[in-house]
Amino acid sequence: MGLETEPLFQAWSYFRRRKFRQCSELCSQLLEGAPGEQAAWSLKTRALTEMVYVDEIEMDQEGIAEMMLDENAIAQVARKDNFLLSMLRPGVQAVFCQFFF
């Protein structure tokens, strides 16, 4: 018995080591001999999918500058010279500010 590994096991080993191209090529060779081999089809499709996988988290990350310079940001704290306060009479405005600010 030689040191040669079973081809499907070798393809699985390539997949586990993230060598997706070698895995896909070996599965293609297996499928030429036995086109109905479901394990080889499954492993090949997984390898092909992993080769084109795009990490969406990396695409969604914003830098600190983009977050700080966002023009659509809403103020976290209300200003004391609020528009609604300016519509109140000065006496009511003073009482309102005592309770809420």
N, C-alpha and C. Protein backbone atom coordinates (compact mmCIF):
# COMPACT_ATOMS: atom_id res chain seq x y z
N MET A 1 0.84 -1.17 0.00
CA MET A 1 0.00 0.00 0.00
C MET A 1 0.89 1.23 0.00
N GLY A 2 0.66 2.12 -0.97
CA GLY A 2 1.49 3.31 -1.12
C GLY A 2 1.00 4.48 -0.28
N LEU A 3 1.70 5.58 -0.39
CA LEU A 3 1.35 6.78 0.35
C LEU A 3 0.32 7.63 -0.39
N GLU A 4 -0.12 7.17 -1.54
CA GLU A 4 -1.08 7.95 -2.33
C GLU A 4 -2.43 8.00 -1.61
N THR A 5 -2.99 9.18 -1.53
CA THR A 5 -4.26 9.39 -0.84
C THR A 5 -5.41 9.23 -1.82
N GLU A 6 -6.55 8.81 -1.31
CA GLU A 6 -7.74 8.72 -2.14
C GLU A 6 -8.05 10.12 -2.70
N PRO A 7 -8.38 10.24 -3.99
CA PRO A 7 -8.56 11.56 -4.61
C PRO A 7 -9.62 12.44 -3.94
N LEU A 8 -10.73 11.86 -3.54
CA LEU A 8 -11.77 12.67 -2.90
C LEU A 8 -11.29 13.19 -1.54
N PHE A 9 -10.57 12.36 -0.81
CA PHE A 9 -10.01 12.80 0.47
C PHE A 9 -8.97 13.89 0.25
N GLN A 10 -8.18 13.75 -0.82
CA GLN A 10 -7.17 14.77 -1.14
C GLN A 10 -7.85 16.09 -1.50
N ALA A 11 -8.95 16.02 -2.25
CA ALA A 11 -9.69 17.24 -2.60
C ALA A 11 -10.25 17.90 -1.35
N TRP A 12 -10.78 17.08 -0.43
CA TRP A 12 -11.29 17.62 0.83
C TRP A 12 -10.17 18.29 1.64
N SER A 13 -8.99 17.69 1.59
CA SER A 13 -7.84 18.27 2.28
C SER A 13 -7.47 19.63 1.69
N TYR A 14 -7.48 19.72 0.36
CA TYR A 14 -7.24 21.01 -0.30
C TYR A 14 -8.27 22.04 0.14
N PHE A 15 -9.52 21.63 0.20
CA PHE A 15 -10.59 22.55 0.59
C PHE A 15 -10.37 23.05 2.02
N ARG A 16 -10.03 22.16 2.92
CA ARG A 16 -9.83 22.54 4.32
C ARG A 16 -8.64 23.47 4.48
N ARG A 17 -7.66 23.35 3.59
CA ARG A 17 -6.48 24.23 3.64
C ARG A 17 -6.66 25.48 2.79
N ARG A 18 -7.89 25.72 2.34
CA ARG A 18 -8.27 26.89 1.55
C ARG A 18 -7.53 26.97 0.21
N LYS A 19 -7.21 25.82 -0.36
CA LYS A 19 -6.62 25.73 -1.70
C LYS A 19 -7.75 25.34 -2.65
N PHE A 20 -8.62 26.30 -2.90
CA PHE A 20 -9.87 26.02 -3.60
C PHE A 20 -9.66 25.65 -5.07
N ARG A 21 -8.67 26.26 -5.72
CA ARG A 21 -8.44 25.95 -7.13
C ARG A 21 -8.00 24.49 -7.30
N GLN A 22 -7.06 24.04 -6.47
CA GLN A 22 -6.62 22.64 -6.56
C GLN A 22 -7.77 21.69 -6.24
N CYS A 23 -8.58 22.06 -5.27
CA CYS A 23 -9.74 21.23 -4.91
C CYS A 23 -10.70 21.10 -6.08
N SER A 24 -10.99 22.23 -6.72
CA SER A 24 -11.91 22.21 -7.86
C SER A 24 -11.36 21.39 -9.03
N GLU A 25 -10.07 21.55 -9.29
CA GLU A 25 -9.45 20.80 -10.40
C GLU A 25 -9.47 19.30 -10.13
N LEU A 26 -9.17 18.91 -8.90
CA LEU A 26 -9.18 17.49 -8.56
C LEU A 26 -10.59 16.91 -8.63
N CYS A 27 -11.57 17.69 -8.19
CA CYS A 27 -12.96 17.23 -8.29
C CYS A 27 -13.38 17.09 -9.75
N SER A 28 -12.92 18.01 -10.61
CA SER A 28 -13.23 17.91 -12.04
C SER A 28 -12.66 16.62 -12.63
N GLN A 29 -11.44 16.26 -12.22
CA GLN A 29 -10.85 15.02 -12.70
C GLN A 29 -11.65 13.81 -12.22
N LEU A 30 -12.11 13.86 -10.98
CA LEU A 30 -12.94 12.77 -10.46
C LEU A 30 -14.25 12.66 -11.22
N LEU A 31 -14.83 13.80 -11.56
CA LEU A 31 -16.13 13.80 -12.24
C LEU A 31 -16.04 13.36 -13.69
N GLU A 32 -14.85 13.45 -14.30
CA GLU A 32 -14.69 12.93 -15.66
C GLU A 32 -14.88 11.41 -15.67
N GLY A 33 -14.41 10.76 -14.63
CA GLY A 33 -14.53 9.30 -14.54
C GLY A 33 -15.88 8.84 -14.01
N ALA A 34 -16.44 9.60 -13.09
CA ALA A 34 -17.72 9.23 -12.48
C ALA A 34 -18.59 10.48 -12.36
N PRO A 35 -19.33 10.82 -13.44
CA PRO A 35 -20.10 12.07 -13.44
C PRO A 35 -21.23 12.12 -12.40
N GLY A 36 -21.63 11.00 -11.86
CA GLY A 36 -22.72 11.00 -10.89
C GLY A 36 -22.25 11.06 -9.44
N GLU A 37 -20.99 11.28 -9.21
CA GLU A 37 -20.45 11.31 -7.84
C GLU A 37 -20.90 12.57 -7.12
N GLN A 38 -21.89 12.41 -6.23
CA GLN A 38 -22.48 13.57 -5.56
C GLN A 38 -21.51 14.26 -4.61
N ALA A 39 -20.67 13.52 -3.95
CA ALA A 39 -19.71 14.13 -3.02
C ALA A 39 -18.74 15.04 -3.77
N ALA A 40 -18.29 14.60 -4.94
CA ALA A 40 -17.37 15.41 -5.73
C ALA A 40 -18.07 16.67 -6.25
N TRP A 41 -19.32 16.52 -6.69
CA TRP A 41 -20.08 17.70 -7.15
C TRP A 41 -20.25 18.70 -6.01
N SER A 42 -20.63 18.21 -4.86
CA SER A 42 -20.85 19.09 -3.71
C SER A 42 -19.57 19.82 -3.31
N LEU A 43 -18.48 19.09 -3.24
CA LEU A 43 -17.21 19.69 -2.85
C LEU A 43 -16.73 20.70 -3.90
N LYS A 44 -16.93 20.37 -5.18
CA LYS A 44 -16.52 21.28 -6.24
C LYS A 44 -17.32 22.58 -6.19
N THR A 45 -18.64 22.48 -5.99
CA THR A 45 -19.45 23.70 -5.93
C THR A 45 -19.08 24.55 -4.72
N ARG A 46 -18.78 23.90 -3.60
CA ARG A 46 -18.36 24.67 -2.42
C ARG A 46 -17.03 25.37 -2.66
N ALA A 47 -16.11 24.69 -3.34
CA ALA A 47 -14.80 25.30 -3.63
C ALA A 47 -14.96 26.47 -4.59
N LEU A 48 -15.79 26.30 -5.62
CA LEU A 48 -16.00 27.40 -6.56
C LEU A 48 -16.68 28.59 -5.89
N THR A 49 -17.60 28.31 -4.98
CA THR A 49 -18.27 29.39 -4.26
C THR A 49 -17.28 30.14 -3.37
N GLU A 50 -16.42 29.42 -2.70
CA GLU A 50 -15.43 30.07 -1.83
C GLU A 50 -14.43 30.90 -2.62
N MET A 51 -14.16 30.51 -3.88
CA MET A 51 -13.20 31.27 -4.68
C MET A 51 -13.74 32.65 -5.03
N VAL A 52 -15.05 32.81 -5.12
CA VAL A 52 -15.62 34.11 -5.49
C VAL A 52 -16.32 34.79 -4.32
N TYR A 53 -16.12 34.29 -3.12
CA TYR A 53 -16.77 34.83 -1.93
C TYR A 53 -16.25 36.23 -1.64
N VAL A 54 -17.17 37.15 -1.38
CA VAL A 54 -16.82 38.52 -1.02
C VAL A 54 -17.29 38.76 0.40
N ASP A 55 -16.39 39.20 1.23
CA ASP A 55 -16.74 39.47 2.62
C ASP A 55 -17.48 40.79 2.69
N GLU A 56 -18.78 40.75 2.96
CA GLU A 56 -19.60 41.94 2.97
C GLU A 56 -19.28 42.85 4.16
N ILE A 57 -18.76 42.30 5.20
CA ILE A 57 -18.42 43.12 6.36
C ILE A 57 -17.33 44.11 6.00
N GLU A 58 -16.34 43.68 5.23
CA GLU A 58 -15.27 44.58 4.83
C GLU A 58 -15.80 45.71 3.96
N MET A 59 -16.80 45.43 3.15
CA MET A 59 -17.34 46.45 2.27
C MET A 59 -18.17 47.47 3.04
N ASP A 60 -18.79 47.05 4.15
CA ASP A 60 -19.67 47.93 4.91
C ASP A 60 -18.94 48.79 5.93
N GLN A 61 -17.71 48.48 6.21
CA GLN A 61 -17.00 49.23 7.23
C GLN A 61 -16.70 50.64 6.75
N GLU A 62 -17.01 51.61 7.60
CA GLU A 62 -16.71 53.00 7.30
C GLU A 62 -15.51 53.41 8.14
N GLY A 63 -14.74 54.30 7.59
CA GLY A 63 -13.64 54.83 8.35
C GLY A 63 -14.12 55.88 9.34
N ILE A 64 -13.23 56.25 10.24
CA ILE A 64 -13.59 57.26 11.25
C ILE A 64 -13.91 58.58 10.57
N ALA A 65 -13.17 58.93 9.54
CA ALA A 65 -13.41 60.20 8.86
C ALA A 65 -14.80 60.25 8.25
N GLU A 66 -15.26 59.16 7.65
CA GLU A 66 -16.59 59.14 7.05
C GLU A 66 -17.67 59.29 8.11
N MET A 67 -17.46 58.67 9.27
CA MET A 67 -18.46 58.78 10.33
C MET A 67 -18.49 60.19 10.91
N MET A 68 -17.33 60.81 11.06
CA MET A 68 -17.28 62.14 11.66
C MET A 68 -17.77 63.21 10.70
N LEU A 69 -17.56 63.00 9.42
CA LEU A 69 -17.92 64.01 8.43
C LEU A 69 -19.26 63.73 7.76
N ASP A 70 -20.03 62.84 8.32
CA ASP A 70 -21.32 62.50 7.74
C ASP A 70 -22.24 63.71 7.78
N GLU A 71 -22.70 64.15 6.63
CA GLU A 71 -23.55 65.34 6.55
C GLU A 71 -24.96 65.05 7.02
N ASN A 72 -25.35 63.81 7.05
CA ASN A 72 -26.70 63.45 7.44
C ASN A 72 -26.82 63.09 8.92
N ALA A 73 -25.78 63.34 9.69
CA ALA A 73 -25.80 62.97 11.10
C ALA A 73 -26.77 63.85 11.87
N ILE A 74 -27.42 63.26 12.85
CA ILE A 74 -28.36 63.98 13.70
C ILE A 74 -27.63 64.35 14.98
N ALA A 75 -27.87 65.56 15.46
CA ALA A 75 -27.22 66.02 16.68
C ALA A 75 -27.62 65.12 17.85
N GLN A 76 -26.65 64.76 18.66
CA GLN A 76 -26.91 63.88 19.79
C GLN A 76 -27.49 64.63 20.99
N VAL A 77 -27.20 65.92 21.10
CA VAL A 77 -27.66 66.72 22.23
C VAL A 77 -28.39 67.94 21.69
N ALA A 78 -29.53 68.26 22.28
CA ALA A 78 -30.29 69.43 21.84
C ALA A 78 -29.57 70.70 22.26
N ARG A 79 -29.65 71.70 21.40
CA ARG A 79 -29.06 72.99 21.72
C ARG A 79 -30.03 73.78 22.60
N LYS A 80 -29.50 74.67 23.42
CA LYS A 80 -30.36 75.46 24.29
C LYS A 80 -31.13 76.50 23.49
N ASP A 81 -30.62 76.97 22.39
CA ASP A 81 -31.33 77.96 21.58
C ASP A 81 -32.17 77.26 20.52
N ASN A 82 -32.96 76.34 20.97
CA ASN A 82 -33.81 75.53 20.11
C ASN A 82 -34.87 76.40 19.46
N PHE A 83 -35.28 76.06 18.26
CA PHE A 83 -36.29 76.81 17.53
C PHE A 83 -37.61 76.84 18.29
N LEU A 84 -37.99 75.73 18.89
CA LEU A 84 -39.26 75.69 19.63
C LEU A 84 -39.23 76.60 20.85
N LEU A 85 -38.08 76.69 21.50
CA LEU A 85 -37.97 77.59 22.65
C LEU A 85 -38.08 79.04 22.23
N SER A 86 -37.59 79.37 21.05
CA SER A 86 -37.66 80.76 20.60
C SER A 86 -39.09 81.19 20.32
N MET A 87 -39.99 80.25 20.15
CA MET A 87 -41.39 80.59 19.89
C MET A 87 -42.15 80.87 21.19
N LEU A 88 -41.61 80.49 22.34
CA LEU A 88 -42.28 80.71 23.61
C LEU A 88 -42.02 82.13 24.11
N ARG A 89 -42.92 82.63 24.95
CA ARG A 89 -42.71 83.94 25.58
C ARG A 89 -41.53 83.82 26.53
N PRO A 90 -40.83 84.90 26.77
CA PRO A 90 -39.63 84.84 27.61
C PRO A 90 -39.87 84.26 29.00
N GLY A 91 -40.98 84.56 29.65
CA GLY A 91 -41.24 84.03 30.99
C GLY A 91 -41.47 82.53 30.96
N VAL A 92 -42.25 82.06 29.99
CA VAL A 92 -42.52 80.63 29.85
C VAL A 92 -41.24 79.90 29.46
N GLN A 93 -40.46 80.57 28.64
CA GLN A 93 -39.20 79.97 28.18
C GLN A 93 -38.26 79.74 29.37
N ALA A 94 -38.20 80.68 30.29
CA ALA A 94 -37.33 80.56 31.46
C ALA A 94 -37.77 79.39 32.34
N VAL A 95 -39.07 79.24 32.55
CA VAL A 95 -39.58 78.13 33.37
C VAL A 95 -39.31 76.80 32.67
N PHE A 96 -39.54 76.77 31.39
CA PHE A 96 -39.32 75.55 30.60
C PHE A 96 -37.86 75.12 30.69
N CYS A 97 -36.96 76.09 30.57
CA CYS A 97 -35.53 75.77 30.60
C CYS A 97 -35.09 75.26 31.97
N GLN A 98 -35.73 75.75 33.03
CA GLN A 98 -35.38 75.28 34.37
C GLN A 98 -35.68 73.79 34.53
N PHE A 99 -36.81 73.35 33.99
CA PHE A 99 -37.22 71.97 34.18
C PHE A 99 -36.55 70.99 33.22
N PHE A 100 -36.30 71.45 32.01
CA PHE A 100 -35.84 70.50 30.98
C PHE A 100 -34.37 70.64 30.61
N PHE A 101 -33.72 71.70 31.03
CA PHE A 101 -32.31 71.85 30.66
C PHE A 101 -31.46 72.01 31.85
